[in-house]
Amino acid sequence: MGDILTANKIREMDEREKERALLNLREELMMLYSNQTGGGLSDNPGKAKILRKQIARILTVYNEER
């Protein structure tokens, strides 16, 4: 995902969009970790932190709506 997801943007999404965004972020994080363990250099070392925060933000909004 190119842009940062805010809580307001996530609340405006329907459930299917949230699930798709969560899946995409988790896949991107997994790819980032696999590249780093393979010895590759990251072009943005803070990207993992950003991805983890966005995943947590989606899960927080999802649980608030339950």
Protein backbone atom coordinates (compact mmCIF):
# COMPACT_ATOMS: atom_id res chain seq x y z
CA MET A 1 0.00 0.00 0.00
CA GLY A 2 1.42 3.31 -0.98
CA ASP A 3 -0.46 5.64 1.31
CA ILE A 4 -0.78 5.69 5.06
CA LEU A 5 -4.09 4.42 6.35
CA THR A 6 -5.62 6.58 9.05
CA ALA A 7 -8.30 5.37 11.43
CA ASN A 8 -10.89 7.57 9.72
CA LYS A 9 -10.08 6.10 6.30
CA ILE A 10 -10.32 2.60 7.74
CA ARG A 11 -13.68 3.33 9.36
CA GLU A 12 -15.03 4.47 5.98
CA MET A 13 -14.05 1.15 4.37
CA ASP A 14 -16.49 -1.71 4.22
CA GLU A 15 -15.53 -5.03 5.81
CA ARG A 16 -14.31 -6.60 2.58
CA GLU A 17 -11.97 -3.67 1.89
CA LYS A 18 -10.55 -3.92 5.41
CA GLU A 19 -9.87 -7.62 5.00
CA ARG A 20 -8.21 -7.03 1.63
CA ALA A 21 -6.06 -4.20 3.01
CA LEU A 22 -5.06 -6.33 6.00
CA LEU A 23 -4.10 -9.24 3.76
CA ASN A 24 -2.07 -6.97 1.45
CA LEU A 25 -0.21 -5.37 4.36
CA ARG A 26 0.59 -8.74 5.92
CA GLU A 27 1.88 -10.07 2.58
CA GLU A 28 4.01 -6.96 2.09
CA LEU A 29 5.45 -7.30 5.61
CA MET A 30 6.19 -10.98 5.02
CA MET A 31 8.00 -10.17 1.77
CA LEU A 32 9.98 -7.42 3.49
CA TYR A 33 11.07 -9.80 6.27
CA SER A 34 12.00 -12.53 3.79
CA ASN A 35 14.15 -10.08 1.80
CA GLN A 36 15.92 -8.92 4.95
CA THR A 37 16.66 -12.45 6.14
CA GLY A 38 18.04 -13.27 2.71
CA GLY A 39 20.74 -10.67 3.25
CA GLY A 40 19.20 -7.98 1.06
CA LEU A 41 19.41 -4.33 1.95
CA SER A 42 16.19 -2.45 2.52
CA ASP A 43 15.65 0.84 0.71
CA ASN A 44 13.51 2.00 3.64
CA PRO A 45 14.50 0.46 6.96
CA GLY A 46 11.51 1.99 8.77
CA LYS A 47 8.97 0.40 6.44
CA ALA A 48 8.43 -2.65 8.68
CA LYS A 49 7.45 -0.39 11.58
CA ILE A 50 4.98 1.51 9.39
CA LEU A 51 3.44 -1.72 8.11
CA ARG A 52 3.07 -3.15 11.62
CA LYS A 53 1.37 0.05 12.80
CA GLN A 54 -1.05 0.00 9.88
CA ILE A 55 -1.91 -3.65 10.55
CA ALA A 56 -2.53 -2.83 14.22
CA ARG A 57 -4.67 0.17 13.25
CA ILE A 58 -6.89 -1.96 10.99
CA LEU A 59 -7.27 -4.63 13.68
CA THR A 60 -8.10 -2.00 16.32
CA VAL A 61 -10.86 -0.46 14.20
CA TYR A 62 -12.13 -3.93 13.29
CA ASN A 63 -12.37 -4.91 16.97
CA GLU A 64 -14.01 -1.60 17.92
CA GLU A 65 -16.79 -2.30 15.46
CA ARG A 66 -17.52 -5.75 16.89
